[in-house]
C-alpha atoms as a PDB file:
ATOM      1  CA  MET A   1     210.781  10.124  33.490  1.00  0.00           C
ATOM      2  CA  GLU A   2     209.055   6.696  34.506  1.00  0.00           C
ATOM      3  CA  ILE A   3     209.577   5.703  30.921  1.00  0.00           C
ATOM      4  CA  VAL A   4     213.183   5.981  30.931  1.00  0.00           C
ATOM      5  CA  SER A   5     213.489   4.076  34.576  1.00  0.00           C
ATOM      6  CA  ALA A   6     211.471   1.285  33.387  1.00  0.00           C
ATOM      7  CA  THR A   7     213.341   1.160  30.387  1.00  0.00           C
ATOM      8  CA  ILE A   8     216.585   0.971  32.137  1.00  0.00           C
ATOM      9  CA  GLY A   9     215.104  -1.568  34.774  1.00  0.00           C
ATOM     10  CA  ARG A  10     214.292  -3.936  31.764  1.00  0.00           C
ATOM     11  CA  ARG A  11     218.015  -3.513  30.053  1.00  0.00           C
ATOM     12  CA  ILE A  12     219.167  -3.789  33.890  1.00  0.00           C
ATOM     13  CA  LEU A  13     217.048  -7.331  34.341  1.00  0.00           C
ATOM     14  CA  ASN A  14     218.138  -8.743  30.843  1.00  0.00           C
ATOM     15  CA  PHE A  15     221.474  -8.191  31.530  1.00  0.00           C
ATOM     16  CA  PHE A  16     221.181  -9.563  35.107  1.00  0.00           C
ATOM     17  CA  ALA A  17     218.997 -12.795  33.653  1.00  0.00           C
ATOM     18  CA  SER A  18     221.979 -13.714  30.750  1.00  0.00           C
ATOM     19  CA  GLY A  19     224.940 -12.479  33.030  1.00  0.00           C
ATOM     20  CA  CYS A  20     224.393 -13.102  36.591  1.00  0.00           C
ATOM     21  CA  GLY A  21     224.320 -16.999  36.089  1.00  0.00           C
ATOM     22  CA  ASN A  22     227.760 -17.059  34.865  1.00  0.00           C
ATOM     23  CA  VAL A  23     228.766 -14.737  37.577  1.00  0.00           C
ATOM     24  CA  PHE A  24     226.948 -16.813  40.441  1.00  0.00           C
ATOM     25  CA  ARG A  25     228.966 -20.205  38.863  1.00  0.00           C
ATOM     26  CA  PHE A  26     232.050 -18.378  38.824  1.00  0.00           C
ATOM     27  CA  LEU A  27     231.857 -17.270  42.412  1.00  0.00           C
ATOM     28  CA  SER A  28     230.519 -20.948  43.309  1.00  0.00           C
ATOM     29  CA  VAL A  29     233.525 -22.326  41.805  1.00  0.00           C
ATOM     30  CA  GLY A  30     235.943 -20.198  43.157  1.00  0.00           C
ATOM     31  CA  LEU A  31     234.836 -20.987  46.160  1.00  0.00           C
ATOM     32  CA  ALA A  32     234.498 -24.275  45.866  1.00  0.00           C
ATOM     33  CA  TYR A  33     238.068 -24.829  45.167  1.00  0.00           C
ATOM     34  CA  LEU A  34     239.150 -22.608  47.955  1.00  0.00           C
ATOM     35  CA  VAL A  35     236.866 -25.301  50.032  1.00  0.00           C
ATOM     36  CA  VAL A  36     239.267 -28.023  48.720  1.00  0.00           C
ATOM     37  CA  THR A  37     242.476 -26.127  49.187  1.00  0.00           C
ATOM     38  CA  ALA A  38     241.257 -25.851  53.166  1.00  0.00           C
ATOM     39  CA  ALA A  39     239.757 -29.452  53.403  1.00  0.00           C
ATOM     40  CA  SER A  40     243.140 -30.729  51.964  1.00  0.00           C
ATOM     41  CA  SER A  41     245.754 -28.824  54.094  1.00  0.00           C
ATOM     42  CA  SER A  42     247.828 -29.999  56.984  1.00  0.00           C
ATOM     43  CA  PRO A  43     246.016 -30.940  60.474  1.00  0.00           C
ATOM     44  CA  ALA A  44     249.081 -29.168  61.803  1.00  0.00           C
ATOM     45  CA  GLN A  45     248.143 -25.811  60.743  1.00  0.00           C
ATOM     46  CA  ALA A  46     245.885 -23.131  63.257  1.00  0.00           C
ATOM     47  CA  ASP A  47     242.550 -23.579  64.822  1.00  0.00           C
ATOM     48  CA  PRO A  48     240.238 -22.589  61.761  1.00  0.00           C
ATOM     49  CA  ARG A  49     238.758 -20.435  63.909  1.00  0.00           C
ATOM     50  CA  CYS A  50     241.781 -18.004  64.193  1.00  0.00           C
ATOM     51  CA  ARG A  51     242.325 -18.262  60.514  1.00  0.00           C
ATOM     52  CA  SER A  52     241.289 -17.188  57.354  1.00  0.00           C
ATOM     53  CA  GLY A  53     239.263 -19.838  55.276  1.00  0.00           C
ATOM     54  CA  VAL A  54     236.416 -21.188  53.716  1.00  0.00           C
ATOM     55  CA  SER A  55     232.558 -21.687  55.874  1.00  0.00           C
ATOM     56  CA  VAL A  56     229.204 -23.070  54.505  1.00  0.00           C
ATOM     57  CA  THR A  57     226.309 -21.418  56.620  1.00  0.00           C
ATOM     58  CA  TYR A  58     222.433 -22.326  56.474  1.00  0.00           C
ATOM     59  CA  GLU A  59     220.667 -19.234  56.774  1.00  0.00           C
ATOM     60  CA  LEU A  60     217.012 -18.451  58.251  1.00  0.00           C
ATOM     61  CA  SER A  61     215.514 -15.054  58.165  1.00  0.00           C
ATOM     62  CA  ASN A  62     213.253 -12.819  57.082  1.00  0.00           C
ATOM     63  CA  THR A  63     212.762 -11.796  53.404  1.00  0.00           C
ATOM     64  CA  MET A  64     214.514  -8.754  51.844  1.00  0.00           C
ATOM     65  CA  LEU A  65     211.618  -8.447  49.778  1.00  0.00           C
ATOM     66  CA  GLU A  66     209.216  -8.048  53.224  1.00  0.00           C
ATOM     67  CA  HIS A  67     207.835  -4.481  51.905  1.00  0.00           C
ATOM     68  CA  ALA A  68     207.163  -5.184  48.328  1.00  0.00           C
ATOM     69  CA  ALA A  69     205.800  -8.621  49.715  1.00  0.00           C
ATOM     70  CA  ALA A  70     203.582  -6.657  52.339  1.00  0.00           C
ATOM     71  CA  LYS A  71     202.491  -3.854  49.640  1.00  0.00           C
ATOM     72  CA  ALA A  72     201.391  -6.870  47.507  1.00  0.00           C
ATOM     73  CA  SER A  73     199.624  -8.577  50.167  1.00  0.00           C
ATOM     74  CA  SER A  74     197.760  -5.797  51.162  1.00  0.00           C
ATOM     75  CA  LYS A  75     196.539  -5.235  47.251  1.00  0.00           C
ATOM     76  CA  LEU A  76     195.513  -8.340  46.908  1.00  0.00           C
ATOM     77  CA  THR A  77     193.077  -8.722  49.983  1.00  0.00           C
ATOM     78  CA  SER A  78     191.528  -5.759  48.822  1.00  0.00           C
ATOM     79  CA  GLN A  79     190.659  -7.023  45.524  1.00  0.00           C
ATOM     80  CA  LEU A  80     189.752 -10.650  46.811  1.00  0.00           C
ATOM     81  CA  ARG A  81     187.254  -8.627  49.263  1.00  0.00           C
ATOM     82  CA  THR A  82     185.586  -6.859  46.563  1.00  0.00           C
ATOM     83  CA  TYR A  83     183.878 -10.085  45.226  1.00  0.00           C
ATOM     84  CA  ILE A  84     184.541 -12.036  48.718  1.00  0.00           C
ATOM     85  CA  PRO A  85     183.741  -9.862  51.921  1.00  0.00           C
ATOM     86  CA  SER A  86     184.600 -12.162  54.275  1.00  0.00           C
ATOM     87  CA  ALA A  87     187.911 -13.345  52.594  1.00  0.00           C
ATOM     88  CA  GLN A  88     191.270 -13.930  54.757  1.00  0.00           C
ATOM     89  CA  PRO A  89     194.101 -11.268  54.425  1.00  0.00           C
ATOM     90  CA  VAL A  90     196.609 -12.343  52.507  1.00  0.00           C
ATOM     91  CA  ASP A  91     199.856 -12.841  53.719  1.00  0.00           C
ATOM     92  CA  LEU A  92     202.778 -13.269  50.977  1.00  0.00           C
ATOM     93  CA  ASN A  93     206.163 -12.697  53.295  1.00  0.00           C
ATOM     94  CA  ARG A  94     207.732 -15.978  54.699  1.00  0.00           C
ATOM     95  CA  LEU A  95     211.011 -16.983  56.092  1.00  0.00           C
ATOM     96  CA  GLU A  96     213.776 -17.402  53.815  1.00  0.00           C
ATOM     97  CA  HIS A  97     216.029 -20.667  53.727  1.00  0.00           C
ATOM     98  CA  GLN A  98     219.156 -20.203  52.579  1.00  0.00           C
ATOM     99  CA  LEU A  99     222.646 -22.045  52.066  1.00  0.00           C
ATOM    100  CA  ARG A 100     225.709 -19.956  51.563  1.00  0.00           C
ATOM    101  CA  LEU A 101     229.150 -20.355  50.663  1.00  0.00           C
ATOM    102  CA  ASN A 102     231.431 -17.939  52.263  1.00  0.00           C
ATOM    103  CA  TYR A 103     235.234 -17.088  52.485  1.00  0.00           C
ATOM    104  CA  ASP A 104     236.687 -15.033  55.685  1.00  0.00           C
ATOM    105  CA  LEU A 105     239.467 -13.213  55.298  1.00  0.00           C
ATOM    106  CA  GLY A 106     241.078 -12.329  58.461  1.00  0.00           C
ATOM    107  CA  LEU A 107     242.586  -9.139  58.615  1.00  0.00           C
ATOM    108  CA  ARG A 108     242.892  -8.024  62.508  1.00  0.00           C
ATOM    109  CA  ARG A 109     242.248 -10.472  65.741  1.00  0.00           C
ATOM    110  CA  TYR A 110     238.502  -8.333  65.863  1.00  0.00           C
ATOM    111  CA  LEU A 111     237.930  -8.294  61.787  1.00  0.00           C
ATOM    112  CA  THR A 112     237.050 -10.525  59.292  1.00  0.00           C
ATOM    113  CA  VAL A 113     236.378  -9.803  55.724  1.00  0.00           C
ATOM    114  CA  ARG A 114     233.481 -11.997  54.679  1.00  0.00           C
ATOM    115  CA  PHE A 115     232.826 -12.626  50.979  1.00  0.00           C
ATOM    116  CA  TYR A 116     229.740 -14.897  50.254  1.00  0.00           C
ATOM    117  CA  ALA A 117     227.656 -16.308  47.450  1.00  0.00           C
ATOM    118  CA  GLY A 118     224.079 -17.803  48.627  1.00  0.00           C
ATOM    119  CA  LEU A 119     221.359 -19.540  47.324  1.00  0.00           C
ATOM    120  CA  ALA A 120     217.424 -19.966  48.241  1.00  0.00           C
ATOM    121  CA  VAL A 121     214.865 -21.785  46.468  1.00  0.00           C
ATOM    122  CA  SER A 122     211.281 -22.251  47.709  1.00  0.00           C
ATOM    123  CA  PRO A 123     209.151 -24.833  45.955  1.00  0.00           C
ATOM    124  CA  GLU A 124     205.837 -24.291  44.884  1.00  0.00           C
ATOM    125  CA  ASP A 125     203.263 -24.586  48.178  1.00  0.00           C
ATOM    126  CA  THR A 126     200.253 -23.304  49.395  1.00  0.00           C
ATOM    127  CA  VAL A 127     200.337 -19.726  50.664  1.00  0.00           C
ATOM    128  CA  TYR A 128     196.912 -18.721  50.932  1.00  0.00           C
ATOM    129  CA  ARG A 129     193.776 -20.405  51.582  1.00  0.00           C
ATOM    130  CA  THR A 130     190.019 -18.774  52.387  1.00  0.00           C
ATOM    131  CA  SER A 131     186.085 -19.689  51.221  1.00  0.00           C
ATOM    132  CA  GLY A 132     183.175 -17.596  51.529  1.00  0.00           C
ATOM    133  CA  ASP A 133     179.856 -16.115  49.818  1.00  0.00           C
ATOM    134  CA  ALA A 134     180.692 -14.227  46.422  1.00  0.00           C
ATOM    135  CA  SER A 135     178.792 -12.278  44.343  1.00  0.00           C
ATOM    136  CA  TYR A 136     180.232 -10.569  40.967  1.00  0.00           C
ATOM    137  CA  HIS A 137     178.549  -7.136  40.348  1.00  0.00           C
ATOM    138  CA  ASP A 138     174.392  -8.240  41.499  1.00  0.00           C
ATOM    139  CA  LEU A 139     174.986 -12.011  40.744  1.00  0.00           C
ATOM    140  CA  ALA A 140     175.387 -14.405  43.586  1.00  0.00           C
ATOM    141  CA  LEU A 141     177.759 -16.942  43.352  1.00  0.00           C
ATOM    142  CA  GLY A 142     176.992 -18.958  46.862  1.00  0.00           C
ATOM    143  CA  ARG A 143     180.433 -20.317  48.703  1.00  0.00           C
ATOM    144  CA  VAL A 144     183.922 -19.945  46.594  1.00  0.00           C
ATOM    145  CA  ASP A 145     186.844 -21.682  47.776  1.00  0.00           C
ATOM    146  CA  VAL A 146     190.243 -19.776  46.981  1.00  0.00           C
ATOM    147  CA  VAL A 147     193.446 -21.429  47.307  1.00  0.00           C
ATOM    148  CA  GLY A 148     196.949 -19.542  46.383  1.00  0.00           C
ATOM    149  CA  PHE A 149     199.954 -21.208  45.138  1.00  0.00           C
ATOM    150  CA  SER A 150     203.981 -19.598  45.324  1.00  0.00           C
ATOM    151  CA  GLY A 151     207.590 -20.607  44.736  1.00  0.00           C
ATOM    152  CA  GLY A 152     210.519 -19.014  43.186  1.00  0.00           C
ATOM    153  CA  SER A 153     214.346 -18.653  44.159  1.00  0.00           C
ATOM    154  CA  LEU A 154     216.589 -15.832  45.038  1.00  0.00           C
ATOM    155  CA  TYR A 155     220.538 -15.916  44.323  1.00  0.00           C
ATOM    156  CA  THR A 156     222.403 -13.459  46.260  1.00  0.00           C
ATOM    157  CA  THR A 157     226.757 -12.363  46.566  1.00  0.00           C
ATOM    158  CA  GLY A 158     228.164  -9.747  48.493  1.00  0.00           C
ATOM    159  CA  THR A 159     230.477  -8.619  51.091  1.00  0.00           C
ATOM    160  CA  GLU A 160     230.308  -7.915  54.878  1.00  0.00           C
ATOM    161  CA  PHE A 161     233.168  -6.527  57.171  1.00  0.00           C
ATOM    162  CA  LEU A 162     232.507  -8.139  60.786  1.00  0.00           C
ATOM    163  CA  PHE A 163     234.347  -7.064  64.030  1.00  0.00           C
ATOM    164  CA  GLN A 164     234.376  -9.677  67.062  1.00  0.00           C
ATOM    165  CA  THR A 165     235.333  -9.172  70.412  1.00  0.00           C
ATOM    166  CA  GLY A 166     237.208 -11.755  72.421  1.00  0.00           C
ATOM    167  CA  ASP A 167     240.311 -14.206  71.442  1.00  0.00           C
ATOM    168  CA  CYS A 168     239.308 -16.143  68.758  1.00  0.00           C
ATOM    169  CA  ARG A 169     239.584 -19.584  70.562  1.00  0.00           C
ATOM    170  CA  GLU A 170     236.755 -18.500  73.021  1.00  0.00           C
ATOM    171  CA  VAL A 171     233.478 -20.163  73.100  1.00  0.00           C
ATOM    172  CA  LEU A 172     230.981 -17.012  72.933  1.00  0.00           C
ATOM    173  CA  HIS A 173     231.698 -13.849  71.334  1.00  0.00           C
ATOM    174  CA  LEU A 174     229.724 -10.049  70.498  1.00  0.00           C
ATOM    175  CA  ILE A 175     230.133  -9.996  66.428  1.00  0.00           C
ATOM    176  CA  GLY A 176     228.599  -6.980  64.293  1.00  0.00           C
ATOM    177  CA  GLY A 177     229.369  -4.891  61.434  1.00  0.00           C
ATOM    178  CA  LEU A 178     228.494  -3.752  57.953  1.00  0.00           C
ATOM    179  CA  GLY A 179     227.963  -5.106  54.665  1.00  0.00           C
ATOM    180  CA  ALA A 180     226.977  -4.712  50.654  1.00  0.00           C
ATOM    181  CA  GLY A 181     224.899  -7.264  48.907  1.00  0.00           C
ATOM    182  CA  PHE A 182     223.898  -7.717  45.301  1.00  0.00           C
ATOM    183  CA  THR A 183     220.337 -10.018  44.807  1.00  0.00           C
ATOM    184  CA  GLY A 184     218.349 -11.605  42.221  1.00  0.00           C
ATOM    185  CA  PHE A 185     215.367 -13.546  42.520  1.00  0.00           C
ATOM    186  CA  GLU A 186     212.193 -14.396  40.692  1.00  0.00           C
ATOM    187  CA  GLY A 187     209.174 -16.932  41.176  1.00  0.00           C
ATOM    188  CA  ASP A 188     205.816 -17.766  40.155  1.00  0.00           C
ATOM    189  CA  MET A 189     202.598 -17.283  41.619  1.00  0.00           C
ATOM    190  CA  ARG A 190     198.857 -19.000  40.775  1.00  0.00           C
ATOM    191  CA  GLY A 191     195.129 -19.040  42.312  1.00  0.00           C
ATOM    192  CA  GLU A 192     192.927 -21.230  41.398  1.00  0.00           C
ATOM    193  CA  PHE A 193     188.964 -20.619  42.288  1.00  0.00           C
ATOM    194  CA  ASP A 194     185.974 -23.311  43.057  1.00  0.00           C
ATOM    195  CA  THR A 195     182.481 -22.227  43.063  1.00  0.00           C
ATOM    196  CA  LYS A 196     180.049 -24.303  44.788  1.00  0.00           C
ATOM    197  CA  LEU A 197     177.325 -23.853  42.404  1.00  0.00           C
ATOM    198  CA  THR A 198     179.594 -25.700  39.737  1.00  0.00           C
ATOM    199  CA  GLY A 199     180.497 -28.606  41.861  1.00  0.00           C
ATOM    200  CA  ASP A 200     183.717 -29.511  42.708  1.00  0.00           C
ATOM    201  CA  GLY A 201     186.798 -28.903  40.456  1.00  0.00           C
ATOM    202  CA  THR A 202     188.660 -25.624  39.818  1.00  0.00           C
ATOM    203  CA  ASP A 203     186.486 -23.258  37.637  1.00  0.00           C
ATOM    204  CA  LEU A 204     189.365 -20.209  36.877  1.00  0.00           C
ATOM    205  CA  THR A 205     192.868 -20.385  37.606  1.00  0.00           C
ATOM    206  CA  LEU A 206     195.114 -16.939  37.557  1.00  0.00           C
ATOM    207  CA  ARG A 207     199.250 -17.559  36.425  1.00  0.00           C
ATOM    208  CA  GLY A 208     201.104 -14.581  37.239  1.00  0.00           C
ATOM    209  CA  SER A 209     205.805 -14.282  37.784  1.00  0.00           C
ATOM    210  CA  TYR A 210     208.029 -11.753  38.636  1.00  0.00           C
ATOM    211  CA  ALA A 211     211.389 -11.280  38.338  1.00  0.00           C
ATOM    212  CA  GLY A 212     213.739  -8.661  39.589  1.00  0.00           C
ATOM    213  CA  PHE A 213     217.263  -7.588  41.486  1.00  0.00           C
ATOM    214  CA  ALA A 214     218.066  -5.716  44.554  1.00  0.00           C
ATOM    215  CA  PHE A 215     221.600  -3.804  45.863  1.00  0.00           C
ATOM    216  CA  ASP A 216     221.412  -2.701  49.235  1.00  0.00           C
ATOM    217  CA  LEU A 217     223.743  -2.152  52.503  1.00  0.00           C
ATOM    218  CA  HIS A 218     222.877  -3.522  55.914  1.00  0.00           C
ATOM    219  CA  ALA A 219     224.123  -3.180  59.816  1.00  0.00           C
ATOM    220  CA  VAL A 220     223.938  -6.045  61.673  1.00  0.00           C
ATOM    221  CA  ALA A 221     224.865  -6.917  65.293  1.00  0.00           C
ATOM    222  CA  GLY A 222     224.587 -10.149  67.437  1.00  0.00           C
ATOM    223  CA  VAL A 223     226.567 -13.228  69.206  1.00  0.00           C
ATOM    224  CA  ARG A 224     228.171 -15.829  67.950  1.00  0.00           C
ATOM    225  CA  PHE A 225     228.668 -19.168  69.748  1.00  0.00           C
ATOM    226  CA  ASP A 226     231.231 -21.798  68.792  1.00  0.00           C
ATOM    227  CA  ILE A 227     230.109 -25.098  69.409  1.00  0.00           C
ATOM    228  CA  ALA A 228     233.264 -26.701  68.745  1.00  0.00           C
ATOM    229  CA  ARG A 229     236.417 -26.133  66.678  1.00  0.00           C
ATOM    230  CA  HIS A 230     234.981 -26.157  63.211  1.00  0.00           C
ATOM    231  CA  ALA A 231     231.097 -25.452  63.893  1.00  0.00           C
ATOM    232  CA  TYR A 232     229.243 -22.277  65.429  1.00  0.00           C
ATOM    233  CA  ILE A 233     226.121 -20.585  65.798  1.00  0.00           C
ATOM    234  CA  MET A 234     225.415 -16.905  65.047  1.00  0.00           C
ATOM    235  CA  LEU A 235     222.119 -14.531  66.015  1.00  0.00           C
ATOM    236  CA  PHE A 236     221.747 -11.551  64.278  1.00  0.00           C
ATOM    237  CA  GLY A 237     219.379  -8.216  64.216  1.00  0.00           C
ATOM    238  CA  GLY A 238     219.872  -5.618  62.099  1.00  0.00           C
ATOM    239  CA  TYR A 239     218.490  -2.975  59.150  1.00  0.00           C
ATOM    240  CA  ARG A 240     219.158  -2.793  55.341  1.00  0.00           C
ATOM    241  CA  GLY A 241     218.283  -0.001  53.026  1.00  0.00           C
ATOM    242  CA  GLY A 242     218.485  -0.735  49.333  1.00  0.00           C
ATOM    243  CA  ILE A 243     216.907  -0.238  45.862  1.00  0.00           C
ATOM    244  CA  GLY A 244     216.125  -2.758  43.143  1.00  0.00           C
ATOM    245  CA  TYR A 245     213.701  -2.974  40.220  1.00  0.00           C
ATOM    246  CA  ILE A 246     211.104  -5.613  39.631  1.00  0.00           C
ATOM    247  CA  LYS A 247     208.881  -6.901  36.761  1.00  0.00           C
ATOM    248  CA  LEU A 248     205.915  -8.323  37.513  1.00  0.00           C
ATOM    249  CA  LYS A 249     203.680 -10.641  34.996  1.00  0.00           C
ATOM    250  CA  SER A 250     200.092 -12.254  35.190  1.00  0.00           C
ATOM    251  CA  ASP A 251     196.909 -13.308  33.554  1.00  0.00           C
ATOM    252  CA  ILE A 252     195.131  -9.430  35.112  1.00  0.00           C
ATOM    253  CA  LYS A 253     197.797  -7.097  34.882  1.00  0.00           C
ATOM    254  CA  ASN A 254     201.491  -6.744  33.725  1.00  0.00           C
ATOM    255  CA  GLY A 255     203.889  -3.950  35.379  1.00  0.00           C
ATOM    256  CA  ASP A 256     207.454  -2.864  36.333  1.00  0.00           C
ATOM    257  CA  GLY A 257     209.062  -0.364  38.438  1.00  0.00           C
ATOM    258  CA  ALA A 258     211.398   0.917  41.101  1.00  0.00           C
ATOM    259  CA  LEU A 259     211.246  -1.767  43.979  1.00  0.00           C
ATOM    260  CA  PRO A 260     212.177  -0.187  47.752  1.00  0.00           C
ATOM    261  CA  VAL A 261     214.230  -2.844  49.563  1.00  0.00           C
ATOM    262  CA  TYR A 262     214.025  -1.375  53.518  1.00  0.00           C
ATOM    263  CA  GLY A 263     213.673  -2.557  57.158  1.00  0.00           C
ATOM    264  CA  PRO A 264     214.773  -4.518  60.023  1.00  0.00           C
ATOM    265  CA  ILE A 265     216.980  -8.201  59.717  1.00  0.00           C
ATOM    266  CA  PHE A 266     216.283 -11.128  62.068  1.00  0.00           C
ATOM    267  CA  GLN A 267     218.924 -13.996  61.125  1.00  0.00           C
ATOM    268  CA  ALA A 268     220.001 -17.350  62.749  1.00  0.00           C
ATOM    269  CA  ASN A 269     223.299 -19.030  61.005  1.00  0.00           C
ATOM    270  CA  LEU A 270     224.438 -22.341  61.466  1.00  0.00           C
ATOM    271  CA  GLY A 271     227.632 -22.602  60.228  1.00  0.00           C
ATOM    272  CA  TYR A 272     230.763 -25.244  59.573  1.00  0.00           C
ATOM    273  CA  SER A 273     234.312 -23.792  58.983  1.00  0.00           C
ATOM    274  CA  PHE A 274     236.657 -25.845  56.979  1.00  0.00           C
END
């Protein structure tokens, strides 16, 4: 059964790798067309807060891979402390900075259906650093410095049904709803080890990469504050649950398998409606 699951996961990942880029470009072009259409519309039209239209949001949130990152952090910490007992704990969880293009379809005064496509890119950066006396079996190596680097990208698309209190022209609203999304991700990792016995300079570099996808359902609730006719801030909390697939390659070990996706959501949005 595990072999069958892994085979199905690899086939889906290959399909995603070849087709998701085209799908994402199609969605982006379609939404971009709606942006141009909305921007060129007559100024005499209704308040943008009270009609269907396109919006762009900058989103800061905890990562949907939080559970997987916590598990990987625990394993890496355990492995490092086998050789460097005083090594600091590894923490791979990072906040996600995501740019989203949305189309908000107003069905009722209090109900909006949001279709979105988003992108988050994290350039390679230092995510871990520690030093300590190391040993390999019975051989003392002295002080070893360890530096970890990571970077990657995330692509997401989905739909949300959002309920909002009050008249659309009011400044402050309670807002919440349900959504479903599909996310693809990929990234690289690198660890550098410098043993002081050999002088300055990296003595060992270990590399790895990961790629995968996930489907999730989520529920959110929070507040929306309209700064002006076009700009707004939304603060959300909620919970997500889903399943995915991840494939890992590294200089030490390769593997793939199911990826559980679950946990709380903390999210801040700064948006602009056209």
